[in-house]
C-alpha atoms as a PDB file:
ATOM      1  CA  MET A   1     -29.377  73.850 109.641  1.00  0.00           C
ATOM      2  CA  ARG A   2     -29.718  75.428 113.048  1.00  0.00           C
ATOM      3  CA  ILE A   3     -31.468  78.669 113.901  1.00  0.00           C
ATOM      4  CA  LEU A   4     -31.005  80.512 117.180  1.00  0.00           C
ATOM      5  CA  ILE A   5     -32.978  83.684 117.885  1.00  0.00           C
ATOM      6  CA  TRP A   6     -32.750  85.870 120.958  1.00  0.00           C
ATOM      7  CA  SER A   7     -35.096  88.665 121.989  1.00  0.00           C
ATOM      8  CA  LEU A   8     -33.075  91.641 123.164  1.00  0.00           C
ATOM      9  CA  TYR A   9     -36.061  93.521 124.567  1.00  0.00           C
ATOM     10  CA  GLU A  10     -35.214  92.716 128.193  1.00  0.00           C
ATOM     11  CA  SER A  11     -31.586  91.606 127.707  1.00  0.00           C
ATOM     12  CA  LYS A  12     -28.450  93.047 129.238  1.00  0.00           C
ATOM     13  CA  THR A  13     -27.130  94.340 125.885  1.00  0.00           C
ATOM     14  CA  THR A  14     -27.975  96.215 122.684  1.00  0.00           C
ATOM     15  CA  LEU A  15     -27.641  95.326 119.012  1.00  0.00           C
ATOM     16  CA  GLU A  16     -24.777  97.814 118.723  1.00  0.00           C
ATOM     17  CA  GLU A  17     -22.843  96.199 121.575  1.00  0.00           C
ATOM     18  CA  LEU A  18     -23.447  92.759 120.062  1.00  0.00           C
ATOM     19  CA  ARG A  19     -22.206  93.880 116.642  1.00  0.00           C
ATOM     20  CA  GLU A  20     -18.983  95.093 118.224  1.00  0.00           C
ATOM     21  CA  ASN A  21     -18.378  91.726 119.941  1.00  0.00           C
ATOM     22  CA  LEU A  22     -19.457  89.109 117.391  1.00  0.00           C
ATOM     23  CA  PRO A  23     -16.971  86.302 116.754  1.00  0.00           C
ATOM     24  CA  PHE A  24     -16.172  85.289 113.189  1.00  0.00           C
ATOM     25  CA  LEU A  25     -18.303  82.456 111.861  1.00  0.00           C
ATOM     26  CA  PRO A  26     -17.445  79.569 109.548  1.00  0.00           C
ATOM     27  CA  GLU A  27     -18.153  80.169 105.880  1.00  0.00           C
ATOM     28  CA  GLY A  28     -21.884  79.981 105.157  1.00  0.00           C
ATOM     29  CA  ASP A  29     -23.020  80.747 108.713  1.00  0.00           C
ATOM     30  CA  VAL A  30     -24.519  84.196 109.327  1.00  0.00           C
ATOM     31  CA  TRP A  31     -25.598  86.487 112.145  1.00  0.00           C
ATOM     32  CA  ILE A  32     -29.080  87.945 111.629  1.00  0.00           C
ATOM     33  CA  PHE A  33     -30.656  91.106 113.051  1.00  0.00           C
ATOM     34  CA  ASN A  34     -34.173  92.539 113.193  1.00  0.00           C
ATOM     35  CA  GLU A  35     -33.765  96.001 114.675  1.00  0.00           C
ATOM     36  CA  ALA A  36     -37.481  96.848 114.510  1.00  0.00           C
ATOM     37  CA  GLN A  37     -38.334  93.905 116.777  1.00  0.00           C
ATOM     38  CA  ASP A  38     -35.095  93.956 118.815  1.00  0.00           C
ATOM     39  CA  ARG A  39     -34.200  90.403 117.788  1.00  0.00           C
ATOM     40  CA  PHE A  40     -30.853  88.851 117.006  1.00  0.00           C
ATOM     41  CA  GLY A  41     -29.860  85.419 115.837  1.00  0.00           C
ATOM     42  CA  LEU A  42     -27.653  82.924 114.066  1.00  0.00           C
ATOM     43  CA  ILE A  43     -28.175  80.653 111.077  1.00  0.00           C
ATOM     44  CA  SER A  44     -25.630  77.832 111.063  1.00  0.00           C
ATOM     45  CA  TYR A  45     -25.148  75.022 108.557  1.00  0.00           C
ATOM     46  CA  GLY A  46     -22.402  73.025 110.299  1.00  0.00           C
ATOM     47  CA  GLU A  47     -22.740  69.713 112.106  1.00  0.00           C
ATOM     48  CA  GLU A  48     -22.303  71.597 115.389  1.00  0.00           C
ATOM     49  CA  LEU A  49     -22.895  75.171 116.462  1.00  0.00           C
ATOM     50  CA  PRO A  50     -19.873  77.421 115.998  1.00  0.00           C
ATOM     51  CA  ASP A  51     -18.169  79.061 118.960  1.00  0.00           C
ATOM     52  CA  LEU A  52     -20.534  81.835 120.043  1.00  0.00           C
ATOM     53  CA  GLY A  53     -17.829  83.620 121.999  1.00  0.00           C
ATOM     54  CA  GLY A  54     -19.256  85.964 124.624  1.00  0.00           C
ATOM     55  CA  VAL A  55     -22.617  86.412 122.886  1.00  0.00           C
ATOM     56  CA  PRO A  56     -24.671  84.336 125.382  1.00  0.00           C
ATOM     57  CA  GLU A  57     -23.105  86.167 128.326  1.00  0.00           C
ATOM     58  CA  LEU A  58     -23.748  89.579 126.737  1.00  0.00           C
ATOM     59  CA  ILE A  59     -27.408  88.761 126.182  1.00  0.00           C
ATOM     60  CA  GLY A  60     -27.817  87.046 129.558  1.00  0.00           C
ATOM     61  CA  GLU A  61     -30.439  84.511 128.522  1.00  0.00           C
ATOM     62  CA  GLU A  62     -30.994  81.426 126.387  1.00  0.00           C
ATOM     63  CA  PRO A  63     -32.287  81.833 122.821  1.00  0.00           C
ATOM     64  CA  ALA A  64     -36.076  82.242 122.540  1.00  0.00           C
ATOM     65  CA  VAL A  65     -35.900  79.977 119.479  1.00  0.00           C
ATOM     66  CA  ALA A  66     -33.426  77.098 119.015  1.00  0.00           C
ATOM     67  CA  GLU A  67     -34.408  74.742 116.216  1.00  0.00           C
ATOM     68  CA  GLU A  68     -32.817  72.317 113.776  1.00  0.00           C
ATOM     69  CA  PHE A  69     -33.950  71.763 110.186  1.00  0.00           C
ATOM     70  CA  ASP A  70     -32.983  69.355 107.432  1.00  0.00           C
ATOM     71  CA  VAL A  71     -31.663  71.103 104.315  1.00  0.00           C
ATOM     72  CA  GLU A  72     -31.720  69.627 100.834  1.00  0.00           C
END
């Protein structure tokens, strides 16, 4: 499993703009939001990350958290 989390506090976009531009994900993968802390992310279960579309460009920075976990 892979987790990517971005902080939007100083990014070039908002959660609303991101929601309007999110690409579809493979079954089982999900976008996650924490509006109170202005954080946004992805949980992915595939062998590789799905196509993130224009998300990285909208945010304008690398994820604050990018980790891989084994899932049983």
